[in-house]
Amino acid sequence: MATENPQSVLQAYARALEQARADDAYGLLSEDARRSLSVEAFRRLVKDDPEAAREFGHSLARPTRVTFATATIKGPSGQELLLVLENRAWRVDISTLEMYTQDTPRHAIAGFVRAVENKRYDIVLRYVPDAHRDGLDEQKLREAWEGEERTELEQVILALKRALSSATIEETGDRATLPYGSARLLLVRERGQWKLENF
C-alpha cells in the first residue's frame, strides 16, 4: 500500500488501529519494524488491549506538525512518530509500536498520560521511580485517582497534555523537567527508562 506523504500514512495507520485492523496497520510498518515484531505479535498487541489501541489511533488522527527532513510527526498529545521513506513510500517506524514507551522524557510523559486516561494503573507503576514504589500498588492508585484525588488528577493530566504539545523539556544527564501550568514536572532516568518524579 503506497502512500504519498507522512500525513496520509499516519492517518491510515491511525484508522487501522481505531478499527482494530491489525493486519492493515502492520502493513504500514517499516521493514525494520516488521523484522523486530512478527505480524502475530502485533496482532496480540492490538487484541490484548483494544481500548488502548483505539485511543492511540484516535490520538494520532490529527497530527499538528510534520518535519519532512526527518519525517517526524507530532500528535496533539505530544507523542512523536517517526516515518521512513522506503521504495518511494512512507512507512511507520518501529518506535511507533510501543504506546507506553519510556525512551525519552517526552515519550514517558505521553505514555504516562495515556496510561492514566486508560486507567491502566499496572502500567502507571512503570513510571514511578524505584524510591517511590514502596507500598504503592494498582489498587492504591485506583482508590486515590478514582476517588478524592480524581479532580486534581484530571487537572494535572490536562495541563500535561497542553504542555506536551508546545513546551520545551530541559534534559540534563539523567534528569529532565517540563514546565506545565504553574508547576514543573521532574523526571529521572533509571536503567535507561524515564520515570516521573513528582506527579
N, C-alpha and C. Protein backbone atom coordinates (compact mmCIF):
# COMPACT_ATOMS: atom_id res chain seq x y z
N MET A 1 0.85 -1.18 0.00
CA MET A 1 0.00 0.00 0.00
C MET A 1 0.90 1.25 0.00
N ALA A 2 1.10 1.88 -1.11
CA ALA A 2 1.95 3.06 -1.19
C ALA A 2 1.17 4.30 -0.78
N THR A 3 1.86 5.22 -0.14
CA THR A 3 1.24 6.48 0.25
C THR A 3 2.16 7.61 -0.16
N GLU A 4 1.61 8.79 -0.31
CA GLU A 4 2.37 9.88 -0.91
C GLU A 4 3.10 10.75 0.10
N ASN A 5 2.65 10.80 1.34
CA ASN A 5 3.31 11.66 2.30
C ASN A 5 3.11 11.12 3.72
N PRO A 6 3.92 11.62 4.69
CA PRO A 6 3.83 11.12 6.06
C PRO A 6 2.44 11.28 6.68
N GLN A 7 1.76 12.39 6.39
CA GLN A 7 0.45 12.61 6.99
C GLN A 7 -0.55 11.55 6.55
N SER A 8 -0.54 11.19 5.28
CA SER A 8 -1.51 10.21 4.80
C SER A 8 -1.23 8.83 5.37
N VAL A 9 0.05 8.45 5.53
CA VAL A 9 0.34 7.14 6.10
C VAL A 9 -0.03 7.12 7.59
N LEU A 10 0.19 8.22 8.27
CA LEU A 10 -0.19 8.27 9.68
C LEU A 10 -1.70 8.17 9.85
N GLN A 11 -2.45 8.85 8.99
CA GLN A 11 -3.91 8.78 9.05
C GLN A 11 -4.40 7.36 8.78
N ALA A 12 -3.79 6.70 7.81
CA ALA A 12 -4.17 5.32 7.51
C ALA A 12 -3.84 4.39 8.68
N TYR A 13 -2.68 4.61 9.29
CA TYR A 13 -2.26 3.81 10.45
C TYR A 13 -3.21 4.03 11.62
N ALA A 14 -3.57 5.30 11.86
CA ALA A 14 -4.49 5.65 12.95
C ALA A 14 -5.85 5.00 12.74
N ARG A 15 -6.38 5.09 11.52
CA ARG A 15 -7.69 4.48 11.23
C ARG A 15 -7.66 2.96 11.44
N ALA A 16 -6.57 2.34 11.01
CA ALA A 16 -6.46 0.88 11.17
C ALA A 16 -6.45 0.50 12.65
N LEU A 17 -5.73 1.27 13.49
CA LEU A 17 -5.72 0.98 14.92
C LEU A 17 -7.08 1.22 15.55
N GLU A 18 -7.72 2.33 15.18
CA GLU A 18 -9.05 2.65 15.73
C GLU A 18 -10.06 1.54 15.42
N GLN A 19 -9.92 0.95 14.24
CA GLN A 19 -10.87 -0.08 13.79
C GLN A 19 -10.37 -1.50 14.07
N ALA A 20 -9.28 -1.61 14.84
CA ALA A 20 -8.70 -2.90 15.23
C ALA A 20 -8.32 -3.74 14.01
N ARG A 21 -7.91 -3.08 12.92
CA ARG A 21 -7.45 -3.80 11.72
C ARG A 21 -5.93 -3.96 11.82
N ALA A 22 -5.52 -4.93 12.66
CA ALA A 22 -4.11 -5.10 12.96
C ALA A 22 -3.28 -5.38 11.71
N ASP A 23 -3.79 -6.20 10.80
CA ASP A 23 -3.01 -6.55 9.60
C ASP A 23 -2.77 -5.33 8.72
N ASP A 24 -3.79 -4.47 8.60
CA ASP A 24 -3.62 -3.25 7.79
C ASP A 24 -2.61 -2.31 8.42
N ALA A 25 -2.68 -2.18 9.76
CA ALA A 25 -1.71 -1.32 10.46
C ALA A 25 -0.31 -1.89 10.30
N TYR A 26 -0.19 -3.20 10.44
CA TYR A 26 1.11 -3.86 10.32
C TYR A 26 1.71 -3.63 8.93
N GLY A 27 0.87 -3.61 7.90
CA GLY A 27 1.34 -3.40 6.54
C GLY A 27 1.94 -2.02 6.32
N LEU A 28 1.67 -1.09 7.23
CA LEU A 28 2.21 0.26 7.11
C LEU A 28 3.51 0.45 7.89
N LEU A 29 3.96 -0.61 8.56
CA LEU A 29 5.21 -0.54 9.31
C LEU A 29 6.41 -0.67 8.38
N SER A 30 7.52 -0.13 8.82
CA SER A 30 8.75 -0.22 8.04
C SER A 30 9.29 -1.65 8.05
N GLU A 31 10.23 -1.93 7.16
CA GLU A 31 10.83 -3.27 7.11
C GLU A 31 11.53 -3.58 8.43
N ASP A 32 12.19 -2.59 9.02
CA ASP A 32 12.87 -2.80 10.29
C ASP A 32 11.86 -3.15 11.39
N ALA A 33 10.72 -2.47 11.38
CA ALA A 33 9.68 -2.75 12.37
C ALA A 33 9.16 -4.17 12.21
N ARG A 34 8.94 -4.58 10.98
CA ARG A 34 8.41 -5.93 10.73
C ARG A 34 9.44 -7.02 11.07
N ARG A 35 10.73 -6.69 10.92
CA ARG A 35 11.76 -7.65 11.33
C ARG A 35 11.80 -7.80 12.85
N SER A 36 11.50 -6.70 13.54
CA SER A 36 11.57 -6.70 15.00
C SER A 36 10.33 -7.29 15.65
N LEU A 37 9.20 -7.28 14.94
CA LEU A 37 7.94 -7.73 15.52
C LEU A 37 7.14 -8.47 14.46
N SER A 38 6.81 -9.72 14.75
CA SER A 38 6.04 -10.51 13.78
C SER A 38 4.61 -10.01 13.70
N VAL A 39 3.93 -10.38 12.63
CA VAL A 39 2.53 -9.98 12.47
C VAL A 39 1.68 -10.60 13.59
N GLU A 40 2.03 -11.81 14.02
CA GLU A 40 1.29 -12.45 15.12
C GLU A 40 1.44 -11.66 16.41
N ALA A 41 2.67 -11.22 16.70
CA ALA A 41 2.91 -10.44 17.92
C ALA A 41 2.19 -9.09 17.85
N PHE A 42 2.17 -8.49 16.67
CA PHE A 42 1.48 -7.21 16.51
C PHE A 42 -0.02 -7.39 16.71
N ARG A 43 -0.56 -8.48 16.15
CA ARG A 43 -1.99 -8.76 16.34
C ARG A 43 -2.31 -8.89 17.83
N ARG A 44 -1.40 -9.54 18.60
CA ARG A 44 -1.64 -9.70 20.03
C ARG A 44 -1.62 -8.36 20.74
N LEU A 45 -0.71 -7.46 20.32
CA LEU A 45 -0.67 -6.11 20.92
C LEU A 45 -2.02 -5.43 20.80
N VAL A 46 -2.60 -5.52 19.62
CA VAL A 46 -3.89 -4.87 19.37
C VAL A 46 -5.02 -5.60 20.08
N LYS A 47 -4.96 -6.94 20.06
CA LYS A 47 -6.04 -7.74 20.66
C LYS A 47 -6.03 -7.66 22.18
N ASP A 48 -4.83 -7.66 22.79
CA ASP A 48 -4.74 -7.68 24.26
C ASP A 48 -5.24 -6.40 24.91
N ASP A 49 -5.12 -5.29 24.20
CA ASP A 49 -5.58 -4.02 24.77
C ASP A 49 -6.26 -3.20 23.68
N PRO A 50 -7.43 -3.64 23.21
CA PRO A 50 -8.09 -2.95 22.09
C PRO A 50 -8.47 -1.52 22.41
N GLU A 51 -8.84 -1.25 23.66
CA GLU A 51 -9.21 0.12 24.04
C GLU A 51 -8.01 1.05 23.89
N ALA A 52 -6.86 0.60 24.37
CA ALA A 52 -5.65 1.42 24.26
C ALA A 52 -5.27 1.62 22.80
N ALA A 53 -5.41 0.57 21.98
CA ALA A 53 -5.09 0.69 20.56
C ALA A 53 -6.02 1.69 19.88
N ARG A 54 -7.32 1.62 20.22
CA ARG A 54 -8.28 2.57 19.64
C ARG A 54 -7.97 3.99 20.07
N GLU A 55 -7.68 4.16 21.35
CA GLU A 55 -7.37 5.50 21.86
C GLU A 55 -6.10 6.04 21.22
N PHE A 56 -5.10 5.16 21.08
CA PHE A 56 -3.84 5.57 20.46
C PHE A 56 -4.09 5.99 19.01
N GLY A 57 -4.87 5.18 18.29
CA GLY A 57 -5.20 5.53 16.91
C GLY A 57 -5.94 6.84 16.82
N HIS A 58 -6.90 7.04 17.73
CA HIS A 58 -7.68 8.29 17.74
C HIS A 58 -6.77 9.49 18.00
N SER A 59 -5.82 9.32 18.92
CA SER A 59 -4.93 10.43 19.27
C SER A 59 -3.98 10.80 18.13
N LEU A 60 -3.77 9.86 17.20
CA LEU A 60 -2.87 10.12 16.07
C LEU A 60 -3.59 10.72 14.87
N ALA A 61 -4.90 10.77 14.93
CA ALA A 61 -5.68 11.13 13.75
C ALA A 61 -5.51 12.58 13.32
N ARG A 62 -5.05 13.44 14.24
CA ARG A 62 -4.92 14.85 13.90
C ARG A 62 -3.51 15.36 14.20
N PRO A 63 -2.52 14.98 13.38
CA PRO A 63 -1.17 15.47 13.62
C PRO A 63 -1.12 16.98 13.51
N THR A 64 -0.28 17.58 14.37
CA THR A 64 -0.21 19.03 14.38
C THR A 64 1.04 19.58 13.70
N ARG A 65 2.05 18.73 13.53
CA ARG A 65 3.27 19.24 12.94
C ARG A 65 4.00 18.13 12.20
N VAL A 66 4.49 18.43 11.01
CA VAL A 66 5.28 17.47 10.24
C VAL A 66 6.62 18.10 9.92
N THR A 67 7.69 17.38 10.15
CA THR A 67 9.03 17.82 9.78
C THR A 67 9.52 16.89 8.69
N PHE A 68 9.44 17.34 7.46
CA PHE A 68 9.73 16.45 6.35
C PHE A 68 11.19 16.03 6.29
N ALA A 69 12.10 16.81 6.87
CA ALA A 69 13.51 16.44 6.83
C ALA A 69 13.73 15.13 7.57
N THR A 70 12.99 14.90 8.64
CA THR A 70 13.14 13.67 9.40
C THR A 70 11.88 12.82 9.35
N ALA A 71 10.81 13.33 8.76
CA ALA A 71 9.52 12.63 8.70
C ALA A 71 9.04 12.27 10.10
N THR A 72 9.16 13.23 11.01
CA THR A 72 8.65 13.07 12.37
C THR A 72 7.33 13.81 12.46
N ILE A 73 6.32 13.11 12.96
CA ILE A 73 5.01 13.74 13.12
C ILE A 73 4.71 13.83 14.61
N LYS A 74 4.30 15.00 15.03
CA LYS A 74 3.99 15.22 16.44
C LYS A 74 2.48 15.32 16.58
N GLY A 75 1.90 14.43 17.39
CA GLY A 75 0.47 14.40 17.58
C GLY A 75 0.01 15.42 18.60
N PRO A 76 -1.29 15.63 18.72
CA PRO A 76 -1.84 16.64 19.61
C PRO A 76 -1.55 16.39 21.08
N SER A 77 -1.27 15.14 21.46
CA SER A 77 -0.96 14.83 22.86
C SER A 77 0.54 14.85 23.12
N GLY A 78 1.32 15.24 22.13
CA GLY A 78 2.76 15.34 22.31
C GLY A 78 3.55 14.13 21.87
N GLN A 79 2.89 13.06 21.47
CA GLN A 79 3.64 11.88 21.04
C GLN A 79 4.30 12.15 19.70
N GLU A 80 5.51 11.62 19.53
CA GLU A 80 6.24 11.81 18.30
C GLU A 80 6.36 10.47 17.58
N LEU A 81 6.13 10.49 16.27
CA LEU A 81 6.17 9.27 15.48
C LEU A 81 7.12 9.46 14.32
N LEU A 82 7.95 8.45 14.11
CA LEU A 82 8.93 8.50 13.04
C LEU A 82 8.44 7.69 11.86
N LEU A 83 8.54 8.29 10.67
CA LEU A 83 8.23 7.57 9.44
C LEU A 83 9.48 7.52 8.57
N VAL A 84 9.62 6.44 7.83
CA VAL A 84 10.78 6.29 6.96
C VAL A 84 10.32 6.12 5.53
N LEU A 85 11.13 6.62 4.61
CA LEU A 85 10.81 6.52 3.19
C LEU A 85 11.49 5.27 2.63
N GLU A 86 10.69 4.30 2.21
CA GLU A 86 11.20 3.06 1.65
C GLU A 86 10.59 2.84 0.28
N ASN A 87 11.44 2.68 -0.71
CA ASN A 87 10.96 2.43 -2.07
C ASN A 87 9.88 3.43 -2.49
N ARG A 88 10.15 4.70 -2.20
CA ARG A 88 9.26 5.82 -2.57
C ARG A 88 7.91 5.78 -1.86
N ALA A 89 7.83 5.10 -0.73
CA ALA A 89 6.59 5.07 0.07
C ALA A 89 6.94 5.30 1.54
N TRP A 90 6.13 6.09 2.23
CA TRP A 90 6.36 6.34 3.65
C TRP A 90 5.83 5.19 4.48
N ARG A 91 6.63 4.79 5.48
CA ARG A 91 6.26 3.68 6.38
C ARG A 91 6.46 4.11 7.83
N VAL A 92 5.66 3.54 8.72
CA VAL A 92 5.76 3.84 10.15
C VAL A 92 6.95 3.08 10.72
N ASP A 93 7.78 3.77 11.51
CA ASP A 93 8.99 3.17 12.07
C ASP A 93 8.67 2.34 13.32
N ILE A 94 9.62 1.51 13.71
CA ILE A 94 9.47 0.63 14.87
C ILE A 94 9.15 1.40 16.15
N SER A 95 9.63 2.63 16.30
CA SER A 95 9.42 3.39 17.53
C SER A 95 7.95 3.68 17.80
N THR A 96 7.10 3.53 16.78
CA THR A 96 5.68 3.82 16.93
C THR A 96 4.90 2.65 17.50
N LEU A 97 5.53 1.49 17.64
CA LEU A 97 4.81 0.31 18.11
C LEU A 97 4.45 0.38 19.59
N GLU A 98 5.29 1.00 20.38
CA GLU A 98 5.11 1.00 21.83
C GLU A 98 4.28 2.20 22.27
N MET A 99 3.11 1.93 22.84
CA MET A 99 2.23 3.00 23.27
C MET A 99 2.63 3.58 24.62
N TYR A 100 3.46 2.86 25.36
CA TYR A 100 3.84 3.31 26.70
C TYR A 100 5.36 3.32 26.85
N THR A 101 6.04 3.81 25.83
CA THR A 101 7.49 3.79 25.84
C THR A 101 8.06 4.83 26.82
N GLN A 102 9.29 4.57 27.27
CA GLN A 102 9.95 5.46 28.23
C GLN A 102 11.36 5.82 27.77
N ASP A 103 11.59 5.78 26.46
CA ASP A 103 12.94 6.00 25.96
C ASP A 103 13.36 7.46 25.95
N THR A 104 12.42 8.39 25.98
CA THR A 104 12.73 9.82 26.08
C THR A 104 11.79 10.43 27.11
N PRO A 105 12.14 11.58 27.67
CA PRO A 105 11.23 12.23 28.63
C PRO A 105 9.86 12.51 28.02
N ARG A 106 9.82 13.00 26.79
CA ARG A 106 8.54 13.34 26.15
C ARG A 106 7.69 12.08 25.95
N HIS A 107 8.31 11.00 25.49
CA HIS A 107 7.57 9.75 25.31
C HIS A 107 7.06 9.23 26.64
N ALA A 108 7.87 9.35 27.69
CA ALA A 108 7.46 8.87 29.02
C ALA A 108 6.24 9.64 29.53
N ILE A 109 6.25 10.95 29.35
CA ILE A 109 5.11 11.75 29.81
C ILE A 109 3.87 11.40 29.02
N ALA A 110 4.01 11.28 27.70
CA ALA A 110 2.86 10.93 26.85
C ALA A 110 2.32 9.55 27.21
N GLY A 111 3.21 8.59 27.48
CA GLY A 111 2.79 7.26 27.87
C GLY A 111 2.09 7.25 29.22
N PHE A 112 2.63 8.03 30.15
CA PHE A 112 2.01 8.14 31.48
C PHE A 112 0.60 8.71 31.35
N VAL A 113 0.46 9.78 30.58
CA VAL A 113 -0.86 10.39 30.38
C VAL A 113 -1.83 9.38 29.78
N ARG A 114 -1.37 8.64 28.78
CA ARG A 114 -2.22 7.65 28.12
C ARG A 114 -2.63 6.55 29.10
N ALA A 115 -1.68 6.10 29.94
CA ALA A 115 -1.97 5.05 30.91
C ALA A 115 -3.00 5.53 31.94
N VAL A 116 -2.86 6.77 32.40
CA VAL A 116 -3.82 7.32 33.37
C VAL A 116 -5.20 7.42 32.73
N GLU A 117 -5.26 7.96 31.51
CA GLU A 117 -6.54 8.13 30.84
C GLU A 117 -7.24 6.79 30.58
N ASN A 118 -6.43 5.74 30.35
CA ASN A 118 -6.98 4.41 30.11
C ASN A 118 -7.17 3.61 31.40
N LYS A 119 -6.86 4.26 32.53
CA LYS A 119 -6.97 3.61 33.85
C LYS A 119 -6.16 2.32 33.91
N ARG A 120 -5.00 2.36 33.28
CA ARG A 120 -4.07 1.22 33.30
C ARG A 120 -3.05 1.46 34.41
N TYR A 121 -3.49 1.25 35.64
CA TYR A 121 -2.63 1.54 36.79
C TYR A 121 -1.45 0.59 36.88
N ASP A 122 -1.58 -0.60 36.30
CA ASP A 122 -0.45 -1.51 36.24
C ASP A 122 0.68 -0.89 35.42
N ILE A 123 0.30 -0.17 34.36
CA ILE A 123 1.30 0.49 33.51
C ILE A 123 1.79 1.77 34.16
N VAL A 124 0.89 2.49 34.85
CA VAL A 124 1.30 3.72 35.55
C VAL A 124 2.46 3.42 36.49
N LEU A 125 2.44 2.25 37.12
CA LEU A 125 3.50 1.90 38.07
C LEU A 125 4.89 1.86 37.41
N ARG A 126 4.93 1.62 36.10
CA ARG A 126 6.22 1.61 35.39
C ARG A 126 6.89 2.99 35.42
N TYR A 127 6.06 4.03 35.56
CA TYR A 127 6.57 5.39 35.52
C TYR A 127 6.95 5.93 36.89
N VAL A 128 6.85 5.10 37.91
CA VAL A 128 7.18 5.51 39.28
C VAL A 128 8.63 5.15 39.57
N PRO A 129 9.46 6.11 39.98
CA PRO A 129 10.86 5.80 40.31
C PRO A 129 10.93 4.79 41.45
N ASP A 130 12.02 4.03 41.48
CA ASP A 130 12.19 2.99 42.49
C ASP A 130 12.02 3.54 43.91
N ALA A 131 12.52 4.74 44.15
CA ALA A 131 12.48 5.33 45.50
C ALA A 131 11.06 5.59 45.98
N HIS A 132 10.08 5.64 45.08
CA HIS A 132 8.70 5.94 45.45
C HIS A 132 7.76 4.73 45.32
N ARG A 133 8.31 3.56 44.99
CA ARG A 133 7.46 2.39 44.73
C ARG A 133 7.01 1.67 46.00
N ASP A 134 7.73 1.85 47.10
CA ASP A 134 7.45 1.10 48.32
C ASP A 134 6.01 1.34 48.79
N GLY A 135 5.23 0.27 48.89
CA GLY A 135 3.86 0.36 49.38
C GLY A 135 2.85 0.81 48.36
N LEU A 136 3.29 1.09 47.14
CA LEU A 136 2.38 1.57 46.10
C LEU A 136 1.96 0.42 45.20
N ASP A 137 0.67 0.30 44.92
CA ASP A 137 0.21 -0.73 44.01
C ASP A 137 -0.98 -0.22 43.20
N GLU A 138 -1.47 -1.07 42.29
CA GLU A 138 -2.58 -0.67 41.41
C GLU A 138 -3.81 -0.25 42.20
N GLN A 139 -4.15 -1.01 43.23
CA GLN A 139 -5.36 -0.73 43.99
C GLN A 139 -5.29 0.63 44.68
N LYS A 140 -4.13 0.96 45.25
CA LYS A 140 -4.00 2.26 45.92
C LYS A 140 -4.12 3.41 44.93
N LEU A 141 -3.53 3.24 43.76
CA LEU A 141 -3.67 4.27 42.73
C LEU A 141 -5.12 4.41 42.30
N ARG A 142 -5.79 3.29 42.09
CA ARG A 142 -7.20 3.32 41.66
C ARG A 142 -8.07 4.02 42.70
N GLU A 143 -7.89 3.67 43.96
CA GLU A 143 -8.71 4.25 45.03
C GLU A 143 -8.49 5.76 45.12
N ALA A 144 -7.24 6.18 45.02
CA ALA A 144 -6.94 7.61 45.13
C ALA A 144 -7.40 8.39 43.90
N TRP A 145 -7.05 7.86 42.71
CA TRP A 145 -7.26 8.62 41.48
C TRP A 145 -8.67 8.51 40.93
N GLU A 146 -9.43 7.56 41.42
CA GLU A 146 -10.84 7.49 41.02
C GLU A 146 -11.72 7.95 42.18
N GLY A 147 -11.08 8.37 43.27
CA GLY A 147 -11.80 8.85 44.44
C GLY A 147 -11.56 10.32 44.69
N GLU A 148 -11.03 10.61 45.88
CA GLU A 148 -10.91 12.01 46.31
C GLU A 148 -9.90 12.83 45.51
N GLU A 149 -8.94 12.18 44.86
CA GLU A 149 -7.93 12.92 44.10
C GLU A 149 -8.27 13.03 42.61
N ARG A 150 -9.44 12.56 42.23
CA ARG A 150 -9.80 12.49 40.81
C ARG A 150 -9.76 13.86 40.13
N THR A 151 -10.41 14.85 40.71
CA THR A 151 -10.47 16.18 40.09
C THR A 151 -9.09 16.79 39.93
N GLU A 152 -8.28 16.66 40.97
CA GLU A 152 -6.92 17.20 40.91
C GLU A 152 -6.10 16.50 39.83
N LEU A 153 -6.24 15.17 39.74
CA LEU A 153 -5.50 14.42 38.73
C LEU A 153 -5.93 14.82 37.33
N GLU A 154 -7.23 14.99 37.10
CA GLU A 154 -7.73 15.39 35.79
C GLU A 154 -7.13 16.73 35.36
N GLN A 155 -6.99 17.65 36.32
CA GLN A 155 -6.40 18.96 36.01
C GLN A 155 -4.92 18.82 35.66
N VAL A 156 -4.22 17.95 36.38
CA VAL A 156 -2.80 17.72 36.09
C VAL A 156 -2.63 17.12 34.70
N ILE A 157 -3.44 16.11 34.39
CA ILE A 157 -3.34 15.45 33.08
C ILE A 157 -3.64 16.43 31.95
N LEU A 158 -4.66 17.26 32.12
CA LEU A 158 -4.98 18.26 31.11
C LEU A 158 -3.83 19.23 30.91
N ALA A 159 -3.23 19.68 32.01
CA ALA A 159 -2.10 20.61 31.93
C ALA A 159 -0.89 19.95 31.26
N LEU A 160 -0.65 18.68 31.56
CA LEU A 160 0.47 17.97 30.93
C LEU A 160 0.25 17.83 29.43
N LYS A 161 -0.97 17.52 29.02
CA LYS A 161 -1.26 17.37 27.59
C LYS A 161 -1.04 18.69 26.85
N ARG A 162 -1.47 19.78 27.47
CA ARG A 162 -1.26 21.09 26.85
C ARG A 162 0.23 21.40 26.74
N ALA A 163 0.98 21.11 27.81
CA ALA A 163 2.41 21.41 27.81
C ALA A 163 3.16 20.55 26.81
N LEU A 164 2.77 19.29 26.66
CA LEU A 164 3.46 18.39 25.74
C LEU A 164 3.41 18.87 24.30
N SER A 165 2.34 19.56 23.93
CA SER A 165 2.20 19.98 22.54
C SER A 165 3.07 21.18 22.19
N SER A 166 3.62 21.87 23.22
CA SER A 166 4.37 23.08 22.90
C SER A 166 5.58 23.36 23.78
N ALA A 167 5.56 22.91 25.02
CA ALA A 167 6.63 23.28 25.96
C ALA A 167 7.93 22.54 25.66
N THR A 168 9.03 23.15 26.05
CA THR A 168 10.35 22.56 25.86
C THR A 168 10.73 21.78 27.12
N ILE A 169 11.21 20.56 26.93
CA ILE A 169 11.69 19.75 28.04
C ILE A 169 13.18 19.98 28.19
N GLU A 170 13.60 20.36 29.39
CA GLU A 170 15.01 20.57 29.66
C GLU A 170 15.60 19.28 30.20
N GLU A 171 16.62 18.78 29.52
CA GLU A 171 17.22 17.49 29.88
C GLU A 171 18.68 17.68 30.22
N THR A 172 19.09 17.18 31.41
CA THR A 172 20.47 17.25 31.85
C THR A 172 20.87 15.91 32.43
N GLY A 173 21.64 15.16 31.68
CA GLY A 173 22.04 13.84 32.15
C GLY A 173 20.84 12.93 32.35
N ASP A 174 20.69 12.44 33.58
CA ASP A 174 19.59 11.53 33.90
C ASP A 174 18.41 12.23 34.54
N ARG A 175 18.32 13.53 34.38
CA ARG A 175 17.20 14.28 34.93
C ARG A 175 16.62 15.19 33.85
N ALA A 176 15.31 15.45 33.94
CA ALA A 176 14.65 16.32 32.98
C ALA A 176 13.49 17.04 33.68
N THR A 177 13.11 18.18 33.13
CA THR A 177 11.99 18.93 33.68
C THR A 177 11.10 19.44 32.56
N LEU A 178 9.80 19.48 32.84
CA LEU A 178 8.82 20.02 31.91
C LEU A 178 7.96 21.03 32.66
N PRO A 179 7.97 22.31 32.26
CA PRO A 179 7.05 23.26 32.88
C PRO A 179 5.64 23.02 32.38
N TYR A 180 4.68 22.99 33.29
CA TYR A 180 3.28 22.83 32.90
C TYR A 180 2.41 23.61 33.89
N GLY A 181 1.53 24.44 33.35
CA GLY A 181 0.73 25.31 34.21
C GLY A 181 1.66 26.16 35.06
N SER A 182 1.46 26.15 36.36
CA SER A 182 2.33 26.90 37.27
C SER A 182 3.33 25.99 37.96
N ALA A 183 3.43 24.75 37.50
CA ALA A 183 4.30 23.77 38.15
C ALA A 183 5.38 23.27 37.18
N ARG A 184 6.24 22.43 37.70
CA ARG A 184 7.28 21.79 36.89
C ARG A 184 7.28 20.30 37.18
N LEU A 185 7.23 19.50 36.13
CA LEU A 185 7.29 18.05 36.27
C LEU A 185 8.76 17.64 36.23
N LEU A 186 9.17 16.85 37.19
CA LEU A 186 10.54 16.36 37.24
C LEU A 186 10.57 14.90 36.80
N LEU A 187 11.57 14.55 35.99
CA LEU A 187 11.73 13.18 35.54
C LEU A 187 13.14 12.70 35.85
N VAL A 188 13.26 11.40 36.04
CA VAL A 188 14.57 10.80 36.31
C VAL A 188 14.71 9.55 35.44
N ARG A 189 15.92 9.30 34.96
CA ARG A 189 16.17 8.11 34.14
C ARG A 189 16.80 7.03 35.01
N GLU A 190 16.14 5.86 35.04
CA GLU A 190 16.64 4.72 35.78
C GLU A 190 16.79 3.53 34.84
N ARG A 191 18.00 3.00 34.75
CA ARG A 191 18.27 1.85 33.87
C ARG A 191 17.75 2.08 32.46
N GLY A 192 17.94 3.30 31.97
CA GLY A 192 17.57 3.65 30.60
C GLY A 192 16.11 4.01 30.40
N GLN A 193 15.30 3.97 31.45
CA GLN A 193 13.87 4.26 31.35
C GLN A 193 13.54 5.55 32.11
N TRP A 194 12.83 6.46 31.45
CA TRP A 194 12.45 7.72 32.09
C TRP A 194 11.20 7.51 32.95
N LYS A 195 11.25 8.08 34.17
CA LYS A 195 10.14 7.96 35.11
C LYS A 195 9.80 9.34 35.68
N LEU A 196 8.57 9.49 36.17
CA LEU A 196 8.08 10.77 36.65
C LEU A 196 8.30 10.87 38.15
N GLU A 197 9.05 11.88 38.57
CA GLU A 197 9.45 12.02 39.96
C GLU A 197 8.35 12.61 40.85
N ASN A 198 7.56 13.51 40.30
CA ASN A 198 6.63 14.27 41.18
C ASN A 198 5.23 14.46 40.61
N PHE A 199 4.65 13.41 40.07
CA PHE A 199 3.28 13.55 39.55
C PHE A 199 2.32 13.40 40.70
